[in-house]
Full PDB file with SEQRES, HELIX, SHEET, SSBOND, CRYST1, ORIGX, SCALE, CONECT and MASTER records, all heavy atoms in Angstrom:
SEQRES   1 A   38  GLN SER GLY TRP LEU ASN ARG MET LEU GLU VAL VAL GLY          
SEQRES   2 A   38  ILE ASN GLY PRO ASN TRP ILE LEU SER GLU THR TRP VAL          
SEQRES   3 A   38  TYR PRO ALA LEU MET PHE MET GLY PHE TRP GLY ILE              
HELIX    1 AA1 TRP A    4  VAL A   11  1                                   8    
HELIX    2 AA2 VAL A   26  PHE A   35  1                                  10    
CRYST1    1.000    1.000    1.000  90.00  90.00  90.00 P 1           1          
ORIGX1      1.000000  0.000000  0.000000        0.00000                         
ORIGX2      0.000000  1.000000  0.000000        0.00000                         
ORIGX3      0.000000  0.000000  1.000000        0.00000                         
SCALE1      1.000000  0.000000  0.000000        0.00000                         
SCALE2      0.000000  1.000000  0.000000        0.00000                         
SCALE3      0.000000  0.000000  1.000000        0.00000                         
ATOM      1  N   GLN A   1      21.702  82.827  -9.061  1.00  0.00           N  
ATOM      2  CA  GLN A   1      20.452  82.488  -8.404  1.00  0.00           C  
ATOM      3  C   GLN A   1      19.249  82.500  -9.357  1.00  0.00           C  
ATOM      4  O   GLN A   1      18.421  81.597  -9.329  1.00  0.00           O  
ATOM      5  CB  GLN A   1      20.176  83.459  -7.249  1.00  0.00           C  
ATOM      6  CG  GLN A   1      21.036  83.252  -6.021  1.00  0.00           C  
ATOM      7  CD  GLN A   1      22.480  83.653  -6.223  1.00  0.00           C  
ATOM      8  OE1 GLN A   1      22.764  84.663  -6.887  1.00  0.00           O  
ATOM      9  NE2 GLN A   1      23.396  82.884  -5.660  1.00  0.00           N  
ATOM     10  N   SER A   2      19.173  83.518 -10.193  1.00  0.00           N  
ATOM     11  CA  SER A   2      17.974  83.672 -11.032  1.00  0.00           C  
ATOM     12  C   SER A   2      18.262  83.575 -12.528  1.00  0.00           C  
ATOM     13  O   SER A   2      17.372  83.826 -13.328  1.00  0.00           O  
ATOM     14  CB  SER A   2      17.329  85.037 -10.737  1.00  0.00           C  
ATOM     15  OG  SER A   2      18.250  86.089 -11.015  1.00  0.00           O  
ATOM     16  N   GLY A   3      19.468  83.217 -12.902  1.00  0.00           N  
ATOM     17  CA  GLY A   3      19.811  83.169 -14.321  1.00  0.00           C  
ATOM     18  C   GLY A   3      19.114  82.044 -15.061  1.00  0.00           C  
ATOM     19  O   GLY A   3      18.855  80.977 -14.512  1.00  0.00           O  
ATOM     20  N   TRP A   4      18.814  82.296 -16.321  1.00  0.00           N  
ATOM     21  CA  TRP A   4      18.124  81.296 -17.134  1.00  0.00           C  
ATOM     22  C   TRP A   4      18.963  80.034 -17.317  1.00  0.00           C  
ATOM     23  O   TRP A   4      18.427  78.923 -17.330  1.00  0.00           O  
ATOM     24  CB  TRP A   4      17.794  81.880 -18.508  1.00  0.00           C  
ATOM     25  CG  TRP A   4      16.917  83.086 -18.474  1.00  0.00           C  
ATOM     26  CD1 TRP A   4      16.189  83.542 -17.408  1.00  0.00           C  
ATOM     27  CD2 TRP A   4      16.668  83.996 -19.543  1.00  0.00           C  
ATOM     28  NE1 TRP A   4      15.508  84.675 -17.741  1.00  0.00           N  
ATOM     29  CE2 TRP A   4      15.783  84.991 -19.054  1.00  0.00           C  
ATOM     30  CE3 TRP A   4      17.106  84.084 -20.860  1.00  0.00           C  
ATOM     31  CZ2 TRP A   4      15.337  86.040 -19.840  1.00  0.00           C  
ATOM     32  CZ3 TRP A   4      16.656  85.126 -21.647  1.00  0.00           C  
ATOM     33  CH2 TRP A   4      15.790  86.092 -21.146  1.00  0.00           C  
ATOM     34  N   LEU A   5      20.282  80.197 -17.458  1.00  0.00           N  
ATOM     35  CA  LEU A   5      21.136  79.042 -17.727  1.00  0.00           C  
ATOM     36  C   LEU A   5      21.098  78.053 -16.561  1.00  0.00           C  
ATOM     37  O   LEU A   5      20.949  76.836 -16.754  1.00  0.00           O  
ATOM     38  CB  LEU A   5      22.562  79.496 -17.999  1.00  0.00           C  
ATOM     39  CG  LEU A   5      23.567  78.402 -18.382  1.00  0.00           C  
ATOM     40  CD1 LEU A   5      23.081  77.616 -19.599  1.00  0.00           C  
ATOM     41  CD2 LEU A   5      24.928  78.995 -18.650  1.00  0.00           C  
ATOM     42  N   ASN A   6      21.221  78.551 -15.332  1.00  0.00           N  
ATOM     43  CA  ASN A   6      21.182  77.664 -14.176  1.00  0.00           C  
ATOM     44  C   ASN A   6      19.805  77.048 -13.983  1.00  0.00           C  
ATOM     45  O   ASN A   6      19.682  75.901 -13.532  1.00  0.00           O  
ATOM     46  CB  ASN A   6      21.591  78.429 -12.913  1.00  0.00           C  
ATOM     47  CG  ASN A   6      23.096  78.562 -12.794  1.00  0.00           C  
ATOM     48  OD1 ASN A   6      23.832  78.102 -13.667  1.00  0.00           O  
ATOM     49  ND2 ASN A   6      23.554  79.182 -11.729  1.00  0.00           N  
ATOM     50  N   ARG A   7      18.762  77.797 -14.327  1.00  0.00           N  
ATOM     51  CA  ARG A   7      17.418  77.222 -14.212  1.00  0.00           C  
ATOM     52  C   ARG A   7      17.210  76.101 -15.214  1.00  0.00           C  
ATOM     53  O   ARG A   7      16.551  75.099 -14.911  1.00  0.00           O  
ATOM     54  CB  ARG A   7      16.374  78.313 -14.418  1.00  0.00           C  
ATOM     55  CG  ARG A   7      16.331  79.324 -13.274  1.00  0.00           C  
ATOM     56  CD  ARG A   7      15.071  80.150 -13.291  1.00  0.00           C  
ATOM     57  NE  ARG A   7      14.982  81.001 -12.111  1.00  0.00           N  
ATOM     58  CZ  ARG A   7      13.908  81.723 -11.801  1.00  0.00           C  
ATOM     59  NH1 ARG A   7      12.842  81.681 -12.591  1.00  0.00           N  
ATOM     60  NH2 ARG A   7      13.885  82.461 -10.708  1.00  0.00           N  
ATOM     61  N   MET A   8      17.779  76.233 -16.399  1.00  0.00           N  
ATOM     62  CA  MET A   8      17.684  75.146 -17.377  1.00  0.00           C  
ATOM     63  C   MET A   8      18.497  73.945 -16.922  1.00  0.00           C  
ATOM     64  O   MET A   8      18.107  72.792 -17.154  1.00  0.00           O  
ATOM     65  CB  MET A   8      18.151  75.639 -18.746  1.00  0.00           C  
ATOM     66  CG  MET A   8      17.179  76.590 -19.432  1.00  0.00           C  
ATOM     67  SD  MET A   8      17.632  76.978 -21.143  1.00  0.00           S  
ATOM     68  CE  MET A   8      19.133  77.924 -20.877  1.00  0.00           C  
ATOM     69  N   LEU A   9      19.646  74.190 -16.267  1.00  0.00           N  
ATOM     70  CA  LEU A   9      20.433  73.082 -15.751  1.00  0.00           C  
ATOM     71  C   LEU A   9      19.713  72.362 -14.622  1.00  0.00           C  
ATOM     72  O   LEU A   9      19.845  71.134 -14.462  1.00  0.00           O  
ATOM     73  CB  LEU A   9      21.797  73.592 -15.268  1.00  0.00           C  
ATOM     74  CG  LEU A   9      22.761  74.104 -16.343  1.00  0.00           C  
ATOM     75  CD1 LEU A   9      24.016  74.681 -15.708  1.00  0.00           C  
ATOM     76  CD2 LEU A   9      23.124  72.998 -17.328  1.00  0.00           C  
ATOM     77  N   GLU A  10      18.939  73.094 -13.821  1.00  0.00           N  
ATOM     78  CA  GLU A  10      18.179  72.470 -12.744  1.00  0.00           C  
ATOM     79  C   GLU A  10      17.133  71.496 -13.275  1.00  0.00           C  
ATOM     80  O   GLU A  10      16.808  70.507 -12.621  1.00  0.00           O  
ATOM     81  CB  GLU A  10      17.498  73.543 -11.891  1.00  0.00           C  
ATOM     82  CG  GLU A  10      18.462  74.356 -11.040  1.00  0.00           C  
ATOM     83  CD  GLU A  10      17.755  75.463 -10.274  1.00  0.00           C  
ATOM     84  OE1 GLU A  10      16.512  75.568 -10.428  1.00  0.00           O  
ATOM     85  OE2 GLU A  10      18.429  76.201  -9.542  1.00  0.00           O  
ATOM     86  N   VAL A  11      16.622  71.761 -14.463  1.00  0.00           N  
ATOM     87  CA  VAL A  11      15.616  70.878 -15.050  1.00  0.00           C  
ATOM     88  C   VAL A  11      16.180  69.476 -15.267  1.00  0.00           C  
ATOM     89  O   VAL A  11      15.475  68.470 -15.115  1.00  0.00           O  
ATOM     90  CB  VAL A  11      15.100  71.469 -16.381  1.00  0.00           C  
ATOM     91  CG1 VAL A  11      14.147  70.495 -17.077  1.00  0.00           C  
ATOM     92  CG2 VAL A  11      14.393  72.795 -16.123  1.00  0.00           C  
ATOM     93  N   VAL A  12      17.469  69.400 -15.610  1.00  0.00           N  
ATOM     94  CA  VAL A  12      18.097  68.093 -15.847  1.00  0.00           C  
ATOM     95  C   VAL A  12      18.879  67.618 -14.628  1.00  0.00           C  
ATOM     96  O   VAL A  12      19.695  66.700 -14.723  1.00  0.00           O  
ATOM     97  CB  VAL A  12      19.027  68.168 -17.075  1.00  0.00           C  
ATOM     98  CG1 VAL A  12      18.229  68.423 -18.331  1.00  0.00           C  
ATOM     99  CG2 VAL A  12      20.101  69.244 -16.898  1.00  0.00           C  
ATOM    100  N   GLY A  13      18.654  68.265 -13.477  1.00  0.00           N  
ATOM    101  CA  GLY A  13      19.245  67.809 -12.231  1.00  0.00           C  
ATOM    102  C   GLY A  13      20.659  68.272 -11.969  1.00  0.00           C  
ATOM    103  O   GLY A  13      21.386  67.647 -11.191  1.00  0.00           O  
ATOM    104  N   ILE A  14      21.094  69.360 -12.601  1.00  0.00           N  
ATOM    105  CA  ILE A  14      22.445  69.883 -12.408  1.00  0.00           C  
ATOM    106  C   ILE A  14      22.371  71.219 -11.680  1.00  0.00           C  
ATOM    107  O   ILE A  14      21.605  72.101 -12.068  1.00  0.00           O  
ATOM    108  CB  ILE A  14      23.172  70.057 -13.755  1.00  0.00           C  
ATOM    109  CG1 ILE A  14      23.277  68.721 -14.489  1.00  0.00           C  
ATOM    110  CG2 ILE A  14      24.560  70.668 -13.543  1.00  0.00           C  
ATOM    111  CD1 ILE A  14      23.900  68.832 -15.867  1.00  0.00           C  
ATOM    112  N   ASN A  15      23.159  71.348 -10.620  1.00  0.00           N  
ATOM    113  CA  ASN A  15      23.248  72.619  -9.899  1.00  0.00           C  
ATOM    114  C   ASN A  15      24.303  73.493 -10.568  1.00  0.00           C  
ATOM    115  O   ASN A  15      25.501  73.212 -10.485  1.00  0.00           O  
ATOM    116  CB  ASN A  15      23.604  72.386  -8.434  1.00  0.00           C  
ATOM    117  CG  ASN A  15      22.498  71.675  -7.673  1.00  0.00           C  
ATOM    118  OD1 ASN A  15      21.313  71.922  -7.927  1.00  0.00           O  
ATOM    119  ND2 ASN A  15      22.865  70.802  -6.741  1.00  0.00           N  
ATOM    120  N   GLY A  16      23.851  74.517 -11.234  1.00  0.00           N  
ATOM    121  CA  GLY A  16      24.768  75.373 -11.965  1.00  0.00           C  
ATOM    122  C   GLY A  16      25.661  76.187 -11.046  1.00  0.00           C  
ATOM    123  O   GLY A  16      25.280  76.512  -9.912  1.00  0.00           O  
ATOM    124  N   PRO A  17      26.848  76.543 -11.495  1.00  0.00           N  
ATOM    125  CA  PRO A  17      27.768  77.334 -10.665  1.00  0.00           C  
ATOM    126  C   PRO A  17      27.368  78.803 -10.642  1.00  0.00           C  
ATOM    127  O   PRO A  17      26.509  79.248 -11.395  1.00  0.00           O  
ATOM    128  CB  PRO A  17      29.111  77.143 -11.377  1.00  0.00           C  
ATOM    129  CG  PRO A  17      28.733  76.955 -12.814  1.00  0.00           C  
ATOM    130  CD  PRO A  17      27.430  76.216 -12.808  1.00  0.00           C  
ATOM    131  N   ASN A  18      28.015  79.532  -9.775  1.00  0.00           N  
ATOM    132  CA  ASN A  18      27.830  80.983  -9.735  1.00  0.00           C  
ATOM    133  C   ASN A  18      28.820  81.579 -10.745  1.00  0.00           C  
ATOM    134  O   ASN A  18      29.944  81.921 -10.404  1.00  0.00           O  
ATOM    135  CB  ASN A  18      28.090  81.526  -8.332  1.00  0.00           C  
ATOM    136  CG  ASN A  18      27.503  82.907  -8.146  1.00  0.00           C  
ATOM    137  OD1 ASN A  18      27.290  83.636  -9.113  1.00  0.00           O  
ATOM    138  ND2 ASN A  18      27.222  83.266  -6.901  1.00  0.00           N  
ATOM    139  N   TRP A  19      28.382  81.679 -11.990  1.00  0.00           N  
ATOM    140  CA  TRP A  19      29.271  81.957 -13.103  1.00  0.00           C  
ATOM    141  C   TRP A  19      30.107  83.212 -12.889  1.00  0.00           C  
ATOM    142  O   TRP A  19      31.330  83.196 -13.080  1.00  0.00           O  
ATOM    143  CB  TRP A  19      28.448  82.104 -14.388  1.00  0.00           C  
ATOM    144  CG  TRP A  19      27.679  80.896 -14.764  1.00  0.00           C  
ATOM    145  CD1 TRP A  19      26.411  80.577 -14.380  1.00  0.00           C  
ATOM    146  CD2 TRP A  19      28.132  79.815 -15.586  1.00  0.00           C  
ATOM    147  NE1 TRP A  19      26.032  79.370 -14.908  1.00  0.00           N  
ATOM    148  CE2 TRP A  19      27.070  78.878 -15.667  1.00  0.00           C  
ATOM    149  CE3 TRP A  19      29.309  79.550 -16.275  1.00  0.00           C  
ATOM    150  CZ2 TRP A  19      27.164  77.702 -16.404  1.00  0.00           C  
ATOM    151  CZ3 TRP A  19      29.407  78.380 -17.012  1.00  0.00           C  
ATOM    152  CH2 TRP A  19      28.353  77.471 -17.067  1.00  0.00           C  
ATOM    153  N   ILE A  20      29.474  84.285 -12.513  1.00  0.00           N  
ATOM    154  CA  ILE A  20      30.166  85.577 -12.471  1.00  0.00           C  
ATOM    155  C   ILE A  20      31.028  85.727 -11.229  1.00  0.00           C  
ATOM    156  O   ILE A  20      32.056  86.420 -11.252  1.00  0.00           O  
ATOM    157  CB  ILE A  20      29.131  86.721 -12.565  1.00  0.00           C  
ATOM    158  CG1 ILE A  20      28.376  86.617 -13.900  1.00  0.00           C  
ATOM    159  CG2 ILE A  20      29.790  88.081 -12.441  1.00  0.00           C  
ATOM    160  CD1 ILE A  20      27.274  87.639 -14.050  1.00  0.00           C  
ATOM    161  N   LEU A  21      30.660  85.085 -10.128  1.00  0.00           N  
ATOM    162  CA  LEU A  21      31.383  85.256  -8.868  1.00  0.00           C  
ATOM    163  C   LEU A  21      32.351  84.118  -8.582  1.00  0.00           C  
ATOM    164  O   LEU A  21      32.890  84.039  -7.483  1.00  0.00           O  
ATOM    165  CB  LEU A  21      30.391  85.386  -7.714  1.00  0.00           C  
ATOM    166  CG  LEU A  21      29.442  86.594  -7.791  1.00  0.00           C  
ATOM    167  CD1 LEU A  21      28.507  86.617  -6.593  1.00  0.00           C  
ATOM    168  CD2 LEU A  21      30.230  87.893  -7.884  1.00  0.00           C  
ATOM    169  N   SER A  22      32.575  83.241  -9.551  1.00  0.00           N  
ATOM    170  CA  SER A  22      33.503  82.130  -9.374  1.00  0.00           C  
ATOM    171  C   SER A  22      34.783  82.410 -10.156  1.00  0.00           C  
ATOM    172  O   SER A  22      34.737  82.763 -11.337  1.00  0.00           O  
ATOM    173  CB  SER A  22      32.858  80.827  -9.862  1.00  0.00           C  
ATOM    174  OG  SER A  22      33.811  79.784  -9.915  1.00  0.00           O  
ATOM    175  N   GLU A  23      35.921  82.214  -9.496  1.00  0.00           N  
ATOM    176  CA  GLU A  23      37.195  82.440 -10.171  1.00  0.00           C  
ATOM    177  C   GLU A  23      37.416  81.450 -11.313  1.00  0.00           C  
ATOM    178  O   GLU A  23      38.155  81.742 -12.257  1.00  0.00           O  
ATOM    179  CB  GLU A  23      38.346  82.314  -9.167  1.00  0.00           C  
ATOM    180  CG  GLU A  23      38.341  83.376  -8.086  1.00  0.00           C  
ATOM    181  CD  GLU A  23      39.544  83.255  -7.173  1.00  0.00           C  
ATOM    182  OE1 GLU A  23      40.645  82.932  -7.678  1.00  0.00           O  
ATOM    183  OE2 GLU A  23      39.393  83.454  -5.955  1.00  0.00           O  
ATOM    184  N   THR A  24      36.784  80.288 -11.228  1.00  0.00           N  
ATOM    185  CA  THR A  24      36.946  79.262 -12.260  1.00  0.00           C  
ATOM    186  C   THR A  24      35.980  79.464 -13.411  1.00  0.00           C  
ATOM    187  O   THR A  24      36.362  79.376 -14.589  1.00  0.00           O  
ATOM    188  CB  THR A  24      36.740  77.863 -11.657  1.00  0.00           C  
ATOM    189  OG1 THR A  24      37.673  77.666 -10.597  1.00  0.00           O  
ATOM    190  CG2 THR A  24      36.920  76.781 -12.717  1.00  0.00           C  
ATOM    191  N   TRP A  25      34.725  79.771 -13.095  1.00  0.00           N  
ATOM    192  CA  TRP A  25      33.681  79.808 -14.116  1.00  0.00           C  
ATOM    193  C   TRP A  25      33.502  81.173 -14.753  1.00  0.00           C  
ATOM    194  O   TRP A  25      32.725  81.318 -15.696  1.00  0.00           O  
ATOM    195  CB  TRP A  25      32.350  79.344 -13.527  1.00  0.00           C  
ATOM    196  CG  TRP A  25      32.344  77.888 -13.197  1.00  0.00           C  
ATOM    197  CD1 TRP A  25      32.530  77.331 -11.966  1.00  0.00           C  
ATOM    198  CD2 TRP A  25      32.182  76.804 -14.109  1.00  0.00           C  
ATOM    199  NE1 TRP A  25      32.484  75.958 -12.053  1.00  0.00           N  
ATOM    200  CE2 TRP A  25      32.268  75.609 -13.354  1.00  0.00           C  
ATOM    201  CE3 TRP A  25      31.969  76.730 -15.484  1.00  0.00           C  
ATOM    202  CZ2 TRP A  25      32.149  74.352 -13.941  1.00  0.00           C  
ATOM    203  CZ3 TRP A  25      31.851  75.484 -16.063  1.00  0.00           C  
ATOM    204  CH2 TRP A  25      31.940  74.308 -15.311  1.00  0.00           C  
ATOM    205  N   VAL A  26      34.182  82.183 -14.259  1.00  0.00           N  
ATOM    206  CA  VAL A  26      34.017  83.514 -14.837  1.00  0.00           C  
ATOM    207  C   VAL A  26      34.584  83.578 -16.251  1.00  0.00           C  
ATOM    208  O   VAL A  26      34.075  84.313 -17.109  1.00  0.00           O  
ATOM    209  CB  VAL A  26      34.661  84.589 -13.938  1.00  0.00           C  
ATOM    210  CG1 VAL A  26      36.187  84.460 -13.932  1.00  0.00           C  
ATOM    211  CG2 VAL A  26      34.237  85.985 -14.370  1.00  0.00           C  
ATOM    212  N   TYR A  27      35.611  82.781 -16.545  1.00  0.00           N  
ATOM    213  CA  TYR A  27      36.186  82.796 -17.887  1.00  0.00           C  
ATOM    214  C   TYR A  27      35.265  82.135 -18.911  1.00  0.00           C  
ATOM    215  O   TYR A  27      35.083  82.676 -20.014  1.00  0.00           O  
ATOM    216  CB  TYR A  27      37.560  82.130 -17.872  1.00  0.00           C  
ATOM    217  CG  TYR A  27      38.540  82.824 -16.962  1.00  0.00           C  
ATOM    218  CD1 TYR A  27      39.028  82.196 -15.826  1.00  0.00           C  
ATOM    219  CD2 TYR A  27      38.961  84.121 -17.219  1.00  0.00           C  
ATOM    220  CE1 TYR A  27      39.919  82.836 -14.973  1.00  0.00           C  
ATOM    221  CE2 TYR A  27      39.850  84.768 -16.387  1.00  0.00           C  
ATOM    222  CZ  TYR A  27      40.330  84.118 -15.261  1.00  0.00           C  
ATOM    223  OH  TYR A  27      41.190  84.771 -14.415  1.00  0.00           O  
ATOM    224  N   PRO A  28      34.654  80.966 -18.603  1.00  0.00           N  
ATOM    225  CA  PRO A  28      33.623  80.481 -19.529  1.00  0.00           C  
ATOM    226  C   PRO A  28      32.473  81.456 -19.708  1.00  0.00           C  
ATOM    227  O   PRO A  28      31.908  81.560 -20.805  1.00  0.00           O  
ATOM    228  CB  PRO A  28      33.152  79.173 -18.882  1.00  0.00           C  
ATOM    229  CG  PRO A  28      34.322  78.713 -18.083  1.00  0.00           C  
ATOM    230  CD  PRO A  28      34.970  79.964 -17.574  1.00  0.00           C  
ATOM    231  N   ALA A  29      32.118  82.182 -18.643  1.00  0.00           N  
ATOM    232  CA  ALA A  29      31.039  83.173 -18.765  1.00  0.00           C  
ATOM    233  C   ALA A  29      31.421  84.270 -19.755  1.00  0.00           C  
ATOM    234  O   ALA A  29      30.613  84.674 -20.608  1.00  0.00           O  
ATOM    235  CB  ALA A  29      30.732  83.782 -17.393  1.00  0.00           C  
ATOM    236  N   LEU A  30      32.657  84.746 -19.676  1.00  0.00           N  
ATOM    237  CA  LEU A  30      33.117  85.760 -20.619  1.00  0.00           C  
ATOM    238  C   LEU A  30      33.196  85.201 -22.036  1.00  0.00           C  
ATOM    239  O   LEU A  30      32.931  85.916 -23.014  1.00  0.00           O  
ATOM    240  CB  LEU A  30      34.484  86.285 -20.187  1.00  0.00           C  
ATOM    241  CG  LEU A  30      34.511  87.132 -18.908  1.00  0.00           C  
ATOM    242  CD1 LEU A  30      35.949  87.406 -18.480  1.00  0.00           C  
ATOM    243  CD2 LEU A  30      33.771  88.440 -19.110  1.00  0.00           C  
ATOM    244  N   MET A  31      33.532  83.934 -22.151  1.00  0.00           N  
ATOM    245  CA  MET A  31      33.576  83.321 -23.479  1.00  0.00           C  
ATOM    246  C   MET A  31      32.182  83.230 -24.084  1.00  0.00           C  
ATOM    247  O   MET A  31      31.998  83.450 -25.286  1.00  0.00           O  
ATOM    248  CB  MET A  31      34.209  81.933 -23.384  1.00  0.00           C  
ATOM    249  CG  MET A  31      35.702  81.952 -23.128  1.00  0.00           C  
ATOM    250  SD  MET A  31      36.394  80.303 -22.864  1.00  0.00           S  
ATOM    251  CE  MET A  31      35.912  79.490 -24.368  1.00  0.00           C  
ATOM    252  N   PHE A  32      31.166  82.895 -23.258  1.00  0.00           N  
ATOM    253  CA  PHE A  32      29.799  82.856 -23.762  1.00  0.00           C  
ATOM    254  C   PHE A  32      29.401  84.216 -24.331  1.00  0.00           C  
ATOM    255  O   PHE A  32      28.752  84.308 -25.375  1.00  0.00           O  
ATOM    256  CB  PHE A  32      28.835  82.449 -22.656  1.00  0.00           C  
ATOM    257  CG  PHE A  32      28.948  81.005 -22.248  1.00  0.00           C  
ATOM    258  CD1 PHE A  32      28.660  80.610 -20.957  1.00  0.00           C  
ATOM    259  CD2 PHE A  32      29.357  80.043 -23.159  1.00  0.00           C  
ATOM    260  CE1 PHE A  32      28.767  79.283 -20.582  1.00  0.00           C  
ATOM    261  CE2 PHE A  32      29.474  78.709 -22.795  1.00  0.00           C  
ATOM    262  CZ  PHE A  32      29.177  78.330 -21.495  1.00  0.00           C  
ATOM    263  N   MET A  33      29.789  85.277 -23.639  1.00  0.00           N  
ATOM    264  CA  MET A  33      29.488  86.624 -24.131  1.00  0.00           C  
ATOM    265  C   MET A  33      30.187  86.879 -25.466  1.00  0.00           C  
ATOM    266  O   MET A  33      29.623  87.507 -26.365  1.00  0.00           O  
ATOM    267  CB  MET A  33      29.928  87.664 -23.108  1.00  0.00           C  
ATOM    268  CG  MET A  33      29.231  87.572 -21.780  1.00  0.00           C  
ATOM    269  SD  MET A  33      29.826  88.832 -20.622  1.00  0.00           S  
ATOM    270  CE  MET A  33      29.062  88.270 -19.102  1.00  0.00           C  
ATOM    271  N   GLY A  34      31.407  86.378 -25.594  1.00  0.00           N  
ATOM    272  CA  GLY A  34      32.148  86.571 -26.839  1.00  0.00           C  
ATOM    273  C   GLY A  34      31.560  85.789 -27.996  1.00  0.00           C  
ATOM    274  O   GLY A  34      31.546  86.265 -29.135  1.00  0.00           O  
ATOM    275  N   PHE A  35      31.034  84.580 -27.699  1.00  0.00           N  
ATOM    276  CA  PHE A  35      30.425  83.775 -28.760  1.00  0.00           C  
ATOM    277  C   PHE A  35      29.226  84.473 -29.373  1.00  0.00           C  
ATOM    278  O   PHE A  35      28.870  84.214 -30.517  1.00  0.00           O  
ATOM    279  CB  PHE A  35      29.996  82.411 -28.204  1.00  0.00           C  
ATOM    280  CG  PHE A  35      31.140  81.553 -27.754  1.00  0.00           C  
ATOM    281  CD1 PHE A  35      30.941  80.523 -26.850  1.00  0.00           C  
ATOM    282  CD2 PHE A  35      32.428  81.778 -28.233  1.00  0.00           C  
ATOM    283  CE1 PHE A  35      31.992  79.730 -26.433  1.00  0.00           C  
ATOM    284  CE2 PHE A  35      33.486  80.995 -27.810  1.00  0.00           C  
ATOM    285  CZ  PHE A  35      33.268  79.968 -26.910  1.00  0.00           C  
ATOM    286  N   TRP A  36      28.597  85.346 -28.604  1.00  0.00           N  
ATOM    287  CA  TRP A  36      27.403  86.036 -29.085  1.00  0.00           C  
ATOM    288  C   TRP A  36      27.704  86.916 -30.292  1.00  0.00           C  
ATOM    289  O   TRP A  36      26.814  87.228 -31.072  1.00  0.00           O  
ATOM    290  CB  TRP A  36      26.831  86.878 -27.944  1.00  0.00           C  
ATOM    291  CG  TRP A  36      25.482  87.467 -28.184  1.00  0.00           C  
ATOM    292  CD1 TRP A  36      25.199  88.781 -28.436  1.00  0.00           C  
ATOM    293  CD2 TRP A  36      24.230  86.791 -28.183  1.00  0.00           C  
ATOM    294  NE1 TRP A  36      23.851  88.964 -28.580  1.00  0.00           N  
ATOM    295  CE2 TRP A  36      23.224  87.746 -28.434  1.00  0.00           C  
ATOM    296  CE3 TRP A  36      23.855  85.464 -28.007  1.00  0.00           C  
ATOM    297  CZ2 TRP A  36      21.882  87.420 -28.508  1.00  0.00           C  
ATOM    298  CZ3 TRP A  36      22.513  85.134 -28.071  1.00  0.00           C  
ATOM    299  CH2 TRP A  36      21.559  86.105 -28.323  1.00  0.00           C  
ATOM    300  N   GLY A  37      28.963  87.312 -30.459  1.00  0.00           N  
ATOM    301  CA  GLY A  37      29.293  88.257 -31.526  1.00  0.00           C  
ATOM    302  C   GLY A  37      30.220  87.715 -32.588  1.00  0.00           C  
ATOM    303  O   GLY A  37      30.990  88.477 -33.185  1.00  0.00           O  
ATOM    304  N   ILE A  38      30.175  86.410 -32.856  1.00  0.00           N  
ATOM    305  CA  ILE A  38      31.082  85.826 -33.842  1.00  0.00           C  
ATOM    306  C   ILE A  38      30.483  85.830 -35.238  1.00  0.00           C  
ATOM    307  O   ILE A  38      31.058  85.223 -36.151  1.00  0.00           O  
ATOM    308  CB  ILE A  38      31.463  84.383 -33.449  1.00  0.00           C  
ATOM    309  CG1 ILE A  38      30.216  83.480 -33.456  1.00  0.00           C  
ATOM    310  CG2 ILE A  38      32.159  84.352 -32.111  1.00  0.00           C  
ATOM    311  CD1 ILE A  38      30.554  82.024 -33.219  1.00  0.00           C  
TER     312      ILE A  38                                                      
MASTER        0    0    0    2    0    0    0    6  311    1    0    3          
END                                                                             
């Protein structure tokens, strides 16, 4: 609802998913966290 990523997607007309509460999108969310430490 209030995440920066979904708000940036709204600017270009995309409704972002509920990253953490979605069985599909939770894995990309965890990958984003992992990319932070490469």
